[in-house]
Structures are given as structure tokens and as C-alpha cells.
N, C-alpha and C. Protein backbone atom coordinates (compact mmCIF):
# COMPACT_ATOMS: atom_id res chain seq x y z
N MET A 1 48.91 42.53 90.75
CA MET A 1 48.45 41.16 90.61
C MET A 1 48.84 40.39 91.88
N PRO A 2 47.89 39.66 92.48
CA PRO A 2 48.21 38.93 93.71
C PRO A 2 49.16 37.76 93.45
N ASP A 3 49.95 37.44 94.46
CA ASP A 3 50.89 36.33 94.36
C ASP A 3 50.12 35.01 94.36
N PRO A 4 50.28 34.17 93.33
CA PRO A 4 49.56 32.90 93.28
C PRO A 4 49.92 31.98 94.45
N LEU A 5 51.09 32.17 95.04
CA LEU A 5 51.51 31.29 96.13
C LEU A 5 51.00 31.73 97.50
N ALA A 6 50.31 32.86 97.56
CA ALA A 6 49.80 33.32 98.84
C ALA A 6 48.90 32.25 99.45
N GLY A 7 49.19 31.88 100.68
CA GLY A 7 48.41 30.86 101.37
C GLY A 7 48.85 29.44 101.10
N MET A 8 49.81 29.24 100.20
CA MET A 8 50.32 27.90 99.91
C MET A 8 51.54 27.61 100.78
N PRO A 9 51.85 26.33 100.96
CA PRO A 9 53.09 25.99 101.66
C PRO A 9 54.29 26.53 100.88
N PRO A 10 55.46 26.58 101.52
CA PRO A 10 56.64 27.09 100.81
C PRO A 10 57.04 26.19 99.64
N LEU A 11 57.70 26.80 98.67
CA LEU A 11 58.21 26.03 97.53
C LEU A 11 59.20 24.98 98.01
N ALA A 12 59.24 23.87 97.29
CA ALA A 12 60.12 22.76 97.66
C ALA A 12 61.58 23.11 97.44
N ASP A 13 62.42 22.59 98.31
CA ASP A 13 63.86 22.70 98.16
C ASP A 13 64.29 21.86 96.95
N THR A 14 65.18 22.40 96.15
CA THR A 14 65.63 21.71 94.94
C THR A 14 66.28 20.37 95.27
N GLY A 15 67.06 20.31 96.33
CA GLY A 15 67.70 19.06 96.75
C GLY A 15 66.68 17.99 97.10
N LYS A 16 65.61 18.39 97.77
CA LYS A 16 64.55 17.43 98.11
C LYS A 16 63.84 16.94 96.85
N ARG A 17 63.67 17.83 95.88
CA ARG A 17 63.06 17.41 94.62
C ARG A 17 63.93 16.35 93.93
N LEU A 18 65.23 16.56 93.96
CA LEU A 18 66.15 15.60 93.34
C LEU A 18 66.09 14.25 94.05
N VAL A 19 66.11 14.26 95.37
CA VAL A 19 66.04 13.00 96.13
C VAL A 19 64.71 12.29 95.85
N ALA A 20 63.62 13.05 95.78
CA ALA A 20 62.31 12.46 95.47
C ALA A 20 62.35 11.78 94.10
N ARG A 21 62.98 12.42 93.13
CA ARG A 21 63.05 11.83 91.79
C ARG A 21 63.93 10.59 91.80
N LEU A 22 64.99 10.59 92.59
CA LEU A 22 65.84 9.40 92.70
C LEU A 22 65.07 8.24 93.32
N ILE A 23 64.24 8.52 94.32
CA ILE A 23 63.39 7.47 94.90
C ILE A 23 62.44 6.93 93.84
N ASP A 24 61.83 7.83 93.08
CA ASP A 24 60.94 7.41 92.00
C ASP A 24 61.69 6.57 90.96
N LEU A 25 62.92 6.93 90.70
CA LEU A 25 63.74 6.17 89.76
C LEU A 25 63.87 4.72 90.21
N VAL A 26 64.12 4.51 91.48
CA VAL A 26 64.22 3.15 92.02
C VAL A 26 62.87 2.44 91.88
N VAL A 27 61.79 3.13 92.23
CA VAL A 27 60.45 2.53 92.19
C VAL A 27 60.06 2.10 90.78
N VAL A 28 60.38 2.89 89.78
CA VAL A 28 59.99 2.59 88.41
C VAL A 28 61.03 1.74 87.69
N PHE A 29 62.29 2.13 87.80
CA PHE A 29 63.33 1.49 86.99
C PHE A 29 63.66 0.07 87.44
N VAL A 30 63.78 -0.15 88.73
CA VAL A 30 64.21 -1.47 89.21
C VAL A 30 63.26 -2.59 88.77
N PRO A 31 61.94 -2.47 88.97
CA PRO A 31 61.07 -3.55 88.48
C PRO A 31 61.15 -3.75 86.97
N LEU A 32 61.22 -2.65 86.21
CA LEU A 32 61.33 -2.78 84.76
C LEU A 32 62.64 -3.45 84.37
N TRP A 33 63.72 -3.10 85.04
CA TRP A 33 65.02 -3.69 84.74
C TRP A 33 65.00 -5.18 85.06
N LEU A 34 64.38 -5.57 86.17
CA LEU A 34 64.31 -6.99 86.52
C LEU A 34 63.53 -7.77 85.47
N ILE A 35 62.45 -7.19 84.96
CA ILE A 35 61.68 -7.84 83.89
C ILE A 35 62.54 -7.97 82.64
N LEU A 36 63.21 -6.91 82.25
CA LEU A 36 64.07 -6.95 81.07
C LEU A 36 65.19 -7.97 81.25
N PHE A 37 65.77 -8.02 82.42
CA PHE A 37 66.84 -8.96 82.73
C PHE A 37 66.34 -10.40 82.57
N ALA A 38 65.15 -10.69 83.10
CA ALA A 38 64.58 -12.04 83.00
C ALA A 38 64.29 -12.39 81.55
N ILE A 39 63.73 -11.45 80.80
CA ILE A 39 63.44 -11.70 79.38
C ILE A 39 64.74 -11.93 78.62
N GLY A 40 65.75 -11.14 78.92
CA GLY A 40 67.04 -11.28 78.24
C GLY A 40 67.66 -12.65 78.42
N PHE A 41 67.52 -13.22 79.61
CA PHE A 41 68.06 -14.55 79.84
C PHE A 41 67.20 -15.64 79.20
N ALA A 42 65.92 -15.36 79.01
CA ALA A 42 65.01 -16.36 78.46
C ALA A 42 65.11 -16.48 76.94
N LEU A 43 65.59 -15.45 76.27
CA LEU A 43 65.62 -15.46 74.82
C LEU A 43 67.00 -15.83 74.28
N PRO A 44 67.03 -16.66 73.26
CA PRO A 44 68.33 -17.02 72.69
C PRO A 44 68.90 -15.88 71.84
N VAL A 45 70.21 -15.82 71.77
CA VAL A 45 70.89 -14.85 70.92
C VAL A 45 71.62 -15.64 69.84
N HIS A 46 71.39 -15.28 68.59
CA HIS A 46 71.99 -16.01 67.48
C HIS A 46 73.27 -15.31 67.02
N THR A 47 74.35 -16.07 66.98
CA THR A 47 75.63 -15.54 66.52
C THR A 47 76.15 -16.38 65.36
N ASP A 48 77.06 -15.79 64.60
CA ASP A 48 77.69 -16.54 63.51
C ASP A 48 78.89 -17.32 64.06
N GLN A 49 79.66 -17.93 63.16
CA GLN A 49 80.80 -18.75 63.58
C GLN A 49 81.89 -17.95 64.28
N ASN A 50 81.91 -16.62 64.11
CA ASN A 50 82.91 -15.78 64.77
C ASN A 50 82.40 -15.21 66.10
N GLY A 51 81.20 -15.60 66.49
CA GLY A 51 80.64 -15.09 67.74
C GLY A 51 79.97 -13.73 67.61
N GLU A 52 79.86 -13.22 66.37
CA GLU A 52 79.21 -11.93 66.13
C GLU A 52 77.71 -12.15 65.98
N LEU A 53 76.94 -11.14 66.36
CA LEU A 53 75.50 -11.22 66.14
C LEU A 53 75.21 -11.33 64.65
N THR A 54 74.26 -12.18 64.30
CA THR A 54 73.84 -12.24 62.91
C THR A 54 73.06 -10.96 62.60
N ASP A 55 72.88 -10.67 61.31
CA ASP A 55 72.15 -9.46 60.93
C ASP A 55 70.74 -9.45 61.51
N SER A 56 70.06 -10.58 61.44
CA SER A 56 68.69 -10.63 61.98
C SER A 56 68.70 -10.46 63.50
N ALA A 57 69.67 -11.05 64.17
CA ALA A 57 69.76 -10.89 65.63
C ALA A 57 70.09 -9.45 65.99
N SER A 58 70.94 -8.83 65.20
CA SER A 58 71.31 -7.44 65.45
C SER A 58 70.09 -6.53 65.30
N ARG A 59 69.31 -6.77 64.25
CA ARG A 59 68.09 -5.98 64.05
C ARG A 59 67.11 -6.22 65.19
N TRP A 60 67.01 -7.48 65.64
CA TRP A 60 66.10 -7.80 66.74
C TRP A 60 66.54 -7.09 68.02
N VAL A 61 67.83 -7.09 68.31
CA VAL A 61 68.34 -6.43 69.51
C VAL A 61 68.08 -4.93 69.44
N THR A 62 68.30 -4.34 68.27
CA THR A 62 68.04 -2.90 68.10
C THR A 62 66.56 -2.60 68.30
N GLY A 63 65.70 -3.40 67.70
CA GLY A 63 64.26 -3.22 67.87
C GLY A 63 63.82 -3.42 69.31
N ALA A 64 64.39 -4.42 69.97
CA ALA A 64 64.06 -4.68 71.37
C ALA A 64 64.50 -3.52 72.26
N ALA A 65 65.66 -2.95 71.96
CA ALA A 65 66.15 -1.82 72.75
C ALA A 65 65.23 -0.61 72.57
N LEU A 66 64.78 -0.37 71.35
CA LEU A 66 63.85 0.73 71.10
C LEU A 66 62.53 0.49 71.81
N LEU A 67 62.02 -0.74 71.73
CA LEU A 67 60.78 -1.08 72.41
C LEU A 67 60.93 -0.91 73.92
N TRP A 68 62.06 -1.36 74.46
CA TRP A 68 62.33 -1.21 75.90
C TRP A 68 62.29 0.27 76.29
N TRP A 69 62.91 1.13 75.51
CA TRP A 69 62.95 2.56 75.82
C TRP A 69 61.54 3.15 75.76
N LEU A 70 60.74 2.74 74.78
CA LEU A 70 59.35 3.21 74.70
C LEU A 70 58.53 2.76 75.91
N VAL A 71 58.71 1.50 76.32
CA VAL A 71 58.01 0.99 77.51
C VAL A 71 58.44 1.77 78.74
N TYR A 72 59.72 2.03 78.85
CA TYR A 72 60.26 2.77 79.99
C TYR A 72 59.66 4.18 80.06
N VAL A 73 59.62 4.88 78.94
CA VAL A 73 59.05 6.23 78.91
C VAL A 73 57.55 6.17 79.22
N ALA A 74 56.85 5.20 78.64
CA ALA A 74 55.41 5.06 78.91
C ALA A 74 55.17 4.77 80.39
N ALA A 75 55.99 3.92 80.98
CA ALA A 75 55.84 3.60 82.41
C ALA A 75 56.03 4.84 83.26
N TRP A 76 57.03 5.66 82.92
CA TRP A 76 57.25 6.90 83.66
C TRP A 76 56.07 7.85 83.52
N ILE A 77 55.56 7.99 82.31
CA ILE A 77 54.43 8.90 82.11
C ILE A 77 53.22 8.43 82.91
N VAL A 78 52.93 7.13 82.85
CA VAL A 78 51.79 6.60 83.59
C VAL A 78 52.01 6.77 85.10
N TYR A 79 53.20 6.45 85.58
CA TYR A 79 53.52 6.60 87.01
C TYR A 79 53.34 8.05 87.46
N ASP A 80 54.00 8.98 86.76
CA ASP A 80 53.89 10.39 87.14
C ASP A 80 52.45 10.89 87.03
N TRP A 81 51.78 10.55 85.92
CA TRP A 81 50.40 10.99 85.73
C TRP A 81 49.50 10.47 86.84
N PHE A 82 49.55 9.17 87.11
CA PHE A 82 48.64 8.56 88.08
C PHE A 82 48.78 9.20 89.46
N PHE A 83 49.99 9.25 89.98
CA PHE A 83 50.17 9.76 91.33
C PHE A 83 49.98 11.28 91.40
N THR A 84 50.36 11.99 90.36
CA THR A 84 50.22 13.45 90.38
C THR A 84 48.75 13.86 90.35
N GLN A 85 47.95 13.22 89.51
CA GLN A 85 46.53 13.59 89.45
C GLN A 85 45.75 13.04 90.64
N LYS A 86 46.28 12.02 91.29
CA LYS A 86 45.59 11.44 92.45
C LYS A 86 45.78 12.29 93.71
N SER A 87 47.04 12.65 94.00
CA SER A 87 47.32 13.35 95.26
C SER A 87 48.36 14.45 95.12
N GLY A 88 48.95 14.57 93.93
CA GLY A 88 50.04 15.52 93.75
C GLY A 88 51.37 14.96 94.23
N GLN A 89 51.37 13.70 94.65
CA GLN A 89 52.59 13.12 95.22
C GLN A 89 52.91 11.76 94.60
N THR A 90 54.07 11.68 93.95
CA THR A 90 54.60 10.37 93.60
C THR A 90 55.10 9.75 94.90
N LEU A 91 55.53 8.51 94.86
CA LEU A 91 56.04 7.88 96.08
C LEU A 91 57.27 8.61 96.60
N GLY A 92 58.11 9.07 95.68
CA GLY A 92 59.29 9.83 96.09
C GLY A 92 58.92 11.16 96.73
N LYS A 93 57.96 11.85 96.14
CA LYS A 93 57.53 13.13 96.72
C LYS A 93 56.89 12.90 98.09
N LYS A 94 56.13 11.83 98.22
CA LYS A 94 55.50 11.53 99.51
C LYS A 94 56.58 11.30 100.57
N ALA A 95 57.60 10.53 100.22
CA ALA A 95 58.69 10.25 101.16
C ALA A 95 59.43 11.52 101.56
N MET A 96 59.55 12.46 100.63
CA MET A 96 60.27 13.71 100.90
C MET A 96 59.35 14.84 101.37
N ARG A 97 58.07 14.52 101.55
CA ARG A 97 57.08 15.50 102.03
C ARG A 97 56.97 16.70 101.08
N LEU A 98 56.76 16.37 99.81
CA LEU A 98 56.56 17.36 98.76
C LEU A 98 55.28 17.02 98.02
N ARG A 99 54.76 17.99 97.29
CA ARG A 99 53.64 17.69 96.41
C ARG A 99 53.60 18.69 95.26
N VAL A 100 53.00 18.24 94.17
CA VAL A 100 52.79 19.10 93.01
C VAL A 100 51.45 19.81 93.21
N ALA A 101 51.44 21.11 92.97
CA ALA A 101 50.22 21.90 93.13
C ALA A 101 50.03 22.79 91.91
N MET A 102 48.78 23.06 91.59
CA MET A 102 48.50 24.01 90.52
C MET A 102 48.94 25.39 90.99
N LEU A 103 49.62 26.11 90.13
CA LEU A 103 50.15 27.43 90.49
C LEU A 103 49.04 28.42 90.84
N ASN A 104 47.93 28.35 90.14
CA ASN A 104 46.87 29.35 90.33
C ASN A 104 46.12 29.21 91.65
N ASP A 105 45.98 27.97 92.17
CA ASP A 105 45.17 27.83 93.39
C ASP A 105 45.67 26.78 94.38
N GLY A 106 46.76 26.11 94.09
CA GLY A 106 47.32 25.13 95.02
C GLY A 106 46.64 23.78 95.01
N SER A 107 45.67 23.59 94.13
CA SER A 107 44.95 22.32 94.09
C SER A 107 45.80 21.22 93.48
N VAL A 108 45.33 19.98 93.66
CA VAL A 108 45.96 18.83 93.02
C VAL A 108 45.75 18.97 91.52
N PRO A 109 46.78 18.74 90.72
CA PRO A 109 46.62 18.88 89.27
C PRO A 109 45.54 17.96 88.70
N SER A 110 44.83 18.47 87.72
CA SER A 110 43.83 17.66 87.01
C SER A 110 44.55 16.56 86.24
N SER A 111 43.78 15.62 85.75
CA SER A 111 44.36 14.54 84.96
C SER A 111 45.09 15.09 83.74
N GLY A 112 44.48 16.07 83.07
CA GLY A 112 45.11 16.67 81.89
C GLY A 112 46.40 17.38 82.21
N ALA A 113 46.41 18.15 83.30
CA ALA A 113 47.63 18.86 83.71
C ALA A 113 48.71 17.85 84.10
N ALA A 114 48.31 16.78 84.78
CA ALA A 114 49.28 15.78 85.23
C ALA A 114 49.90 15.04 84.05
N VAL A 115 49.10 14.67 83.06
CA VAL A 115 49.66 13.96 81.91
C VAL A 115 50.51 14.90 81.07
N GLY A 116 50.09 16.16 80.96
CA GLY A 116 50.91 17.14 80.23
C GLY A 116 52.25 17.36 80.90
N ARG A 117 52.24 17.45 82.22
CA ARG A 117 53.48 17.63 82.99
C ARG A 117 54.40 16.42 82.78
N ALA A 118 53.84 15.22 82.89
CA ALA A 118 54.64 14.01 82.73
C ALA A 118 55.18 13.87 81.31
N ALA A 119 54.33 14.11 80.33
CA ALA A 119 54.77 13.98 78.93
C ALA A 119 55.84 15.00 78.59
N THR A 120 55.72 16.22 79.13
CA THR A 120 56.72 17.25 78.87
C THR A 120 58.06 16.89 79.49
N LEU A 121 58.03 16.14 80.57
CA LEU A 121 59.28 15.71 81.20
C LEU A 121 59.90 14.52 80.48
N TRP A 122 59.09 13.53 80.07
CA TRP A 122 59.63 12.26 79.59
C TRP A 122 59.75 12.12 78.08
N VAL A 123 58.83 12.65 77.29
CA VAL A 123 58.91 12.47 75.83
C VAL A 123 60.15 13.14 75.25
N PRO A 124 60.45 14.41 75.59
CA PRO A 124 61.69 15.00 75.05
C PRO A 124 62.94 14.24 75.50
N ALA A 125 62.92 13.68 76.70
CA ALA A 125 64.07 12.90 77.17
C ALA A 125 64.28 11.68 76.28
N PHE A 126 63.18 11.08 75.84
CA PHE A 126 63.27 9.94 74.93
C PHE A 126 63.90 10.36 73.60
N LEU A 127 63.54 11.54 73.13
CA LEU A 127 64.01 12.00 71.83
C LEU A 127 65.46 12.48 71.84
N CYS A 128 65.92 13.00 72.97
CA CYS A 128 67.30 13.53 72.97
C CYS A 128 68.19 12.87 74.03
N CYS A 129 67.89 11.64 74.33
CA CYS A 129 68.79 10.78 75.12
C CYS A 129 69.17 11.33 76.49
N GLY A 130 68.27 11.91 77.19
CA GLY A 130 68.55 12.33 78.56
C GLY A 130 69.08 13.74 78.73
N LEU A 131 69.56 14.36 77.67
CA LEU A 131 70.04 15.74 77.78
C LEU A 131 68.92 16.66 78.27
N TRP A 132 67.70 16.31 77.95
CA TRP A 132 66.55 17.09 78.37
C TRP A 132 66.50 17.26 79.89
N TRP A 133 66.87 16.20 80.63
CA TRP A 133 66.82 16.29 82.10
C TRP A 133 67.80 17.33 82.62
N VAL A 134 68.91 17.50 81.95
CA VAL A 134 69.86 18.55 82.33
C VAL A 134 69.21 19.91 82.14
N VAL A 135 68.54 20.09 81.00
CA VAL A 135 67.85 21.35 80.72
C VAL A 135 66.77 21.60 81.77
N VAL A 136 65.99 20.57 82.10
CA VAL A 136 64.93 20.72 83.11
C VAL A 136 65.55 21.06 84.47
N GLY A 137 66.62 20.36 84.84
CA GLY A 137 67.28 20.64 86.11
C GLY A 137 67.79 22.06 86.20
N ILE A 138 68.40 22.54 85.14
CA ILE A 138 68.89 23.92 85.11
C ILE A 138 67.71 24.89 85.20
N SER A 139 66.62 24.57 84.51
CA SER A 139 65.46 25.47 84.56
C SER A 139 64.90 25.59 85.98
N ILE A 140 64.93 24.51 86.74
CA ILE A 140 64.46 24.56 88.13
C ILE A 140 65.39 25.44 88.96
N LEU A 141 66.69 25.32 88.71
CA LEU A 141 67.66 26.10 89.49
C LEU A 141 67.60 27.59 89.21
N VAL A 142 67.33 27.97 87.97
CA VAL A 142 67.40 29.39 87.60
C VAL A 142 66.04 30.09 87.57
N ASP A 143 64.96 29.34 87.56
CA ASP A 143 63.65 29.98 87.46
C ASP A 143 63.32 30.77 88.72
N GLN A 144 62.83 31.96 88.50
CA GLN A 144 62.38 32.82 89.60
C GLN A 144 61.00 33.35 89.26
N PRO A 145 60.09 33.47 90.14
CA PRO A 145 60.23 33.21 91.57
C PRO A 145 59.76 31.83 92.01
N TYR A 146 59.30 30.97 91.06
CA TYR A 146 58.60 29.75 91.45
C TYR A 146 59.41 28.46 91.38
N LYS A 147 60.67 28.52 90.94
CA LYS A 147 61.52 27.33 90.82
C LYS A 147 60.84 26.23 89.99
N GLN A 148 60.29 26.63 88.86
CA GLN A 148 59.58 25.69 87.99
C GLN A 148 60.52 25.09 86.96
N GLY A 149 60.42 23.77 86.79
CA GLY A 149 61.04 23.14 85.64
C GLY A 149 60.18 23.41 84.42
N LEU A 150 60.71 23.13 83.25
CA LEU A 150 59.93 23.35 82.03
C LEU A 150 58.64 22.54 82.04
N HIS A 151 58.68 21.35 82.64
CA HIS A 151 57.47 20.53 82.75
C HIS A 151 56.45 21.18 83.68
N ASP A 152 56.93 21.88 84.73
CA ASP A 152 56.02 22.62 85.61
C ASP A 152 55.39 23.79 84.87
N LYS A 153 56.21 24.50 84.11
CA LYS A 153 55.69 25.65 83.35
C LYS A 153 54.63 25.19 82.35
N ALA A 154 54.88 24.07 81.67
CA ALA A 154 53.93 23.56 80.68
C ALA A 154 52.58 23.23 81.32
N ALA A 155 52.60 22.72 82.54
CA ALA A 155 51.37 22.32 83.21
C ALA A 155 50.85 23.38 84.18
N ARG A 156 51.61 24.48 84.33
CA ARG A 156 51.27 25.55 85.28
C ARG A 156 51.20 25.02 86.71
N THR A 157 52.25 24.27 87.08
CA THR A 157 52.33 23.70 88.43
C THR A 157 53.58 24.19 89.14
N VAL A 158 53.59 24.00 90.44
CA VAL A 158 54.77 24.22 91.27
C VAL A 158 54.89 23.02 92.20
N VAL A 159 56.08 22.83 92.76
CA VAL A 159 56.27 21.78 93.76
C VAL A 159 56.47 22.48 95.10
N VAL A 160 55.64 22.09 96.07
CA VAL A 160 55.67 22.73 97.38
C VAL A 160 55.98 21.69 98.46
N SER A 161 56.40 22.20 99.60
CA SER A 161 56.62 21.35 100.77
C SER A 161 55.28 21.02 101.40
N VAL A 162 55.18 19.83 101.96
CA VAL A 162 53.98 19.43 102.69
C VAL A 162 54.23 19.72 104.16
N PRO A 163 53.36 20.51 104.79
CA PRO A 163 53.59 20.84 106.20
C PRO A 163 53.50 19.61 107.11
């Protein structure tokens, strides 16, 4: 069976992948955090005579936190999907000269592959509080021969260096 990577650029360095994701973290998280921060200051918090949150305020804060987490995950999925299906490069990957490519032919992932890759990375993280990213990171480190994270395997993609 021929090597699917024949003719493709070399696989991305794991350290560069991490730095690219950290850049993406700043791009996505900081604007969302600033919005949340502004909303938090704009809304009143109701406390009882002891300074404790009232039951209704506590429920509201819990609901708001859940909504915030859902918005955050949705923003990540949209961000990863949009840039991956457009060029194979999020802003972080572009800065680090990396791109996502289909394993079978090196092409830019289709919209379906890009959303599947993003959802496989972010939805489980929402459900298990970030432990999923440790699992994905370990999978990238130990996978041979393509250094695929579980999200790459789900979408049949690899991350390669841009010449």
C-alpha cells in the first residue's frame, strides 16, 4: 500500500502544533473573556443580609456559567471549522507555518471533515472538563506514523509543515 504522505510536506513538529493552539487560544478566548467580563460588571448580583448569593442568584450564576461554556465551545468549533475548511490553517497554524491536510491526498479538509475534526476536539472537552485535551495531546505524541490526535483520526487528517 502506498504511503499517503508521499509528496506531502513533512509532518508538523508537536511543539509547533502546541504553540499554534496557544495562539488560537488567545485569538478565541481573549475576546470572549472581555465580553463576559463586561457583561459581568453590567449585571447586578443579588445577595442576602449575610452577603451570600440568594438561591435565585445562585441558580442564575450556575446557568450563566453553563451558557458561557456552551458559547465558548461553539466559538471554538466555528473558529476551527471555518479556518480549517477554508485553507487548512487557523490563525495559529498560519503563524507557525502549519496546515491541516487530508491524509489520503493532502487537500484542504472539506467542510464536513473540518466540522467533524473540530467537534471531536471540543465537544468531549466540554463533557469531561478539559481532561480530553490531555488524552488528545498524548495521542499526538504516541501515534505512529502520522502523529495524529484523536480529532485528526476522526476526520482522517494530518498536520503538516508549510514549506
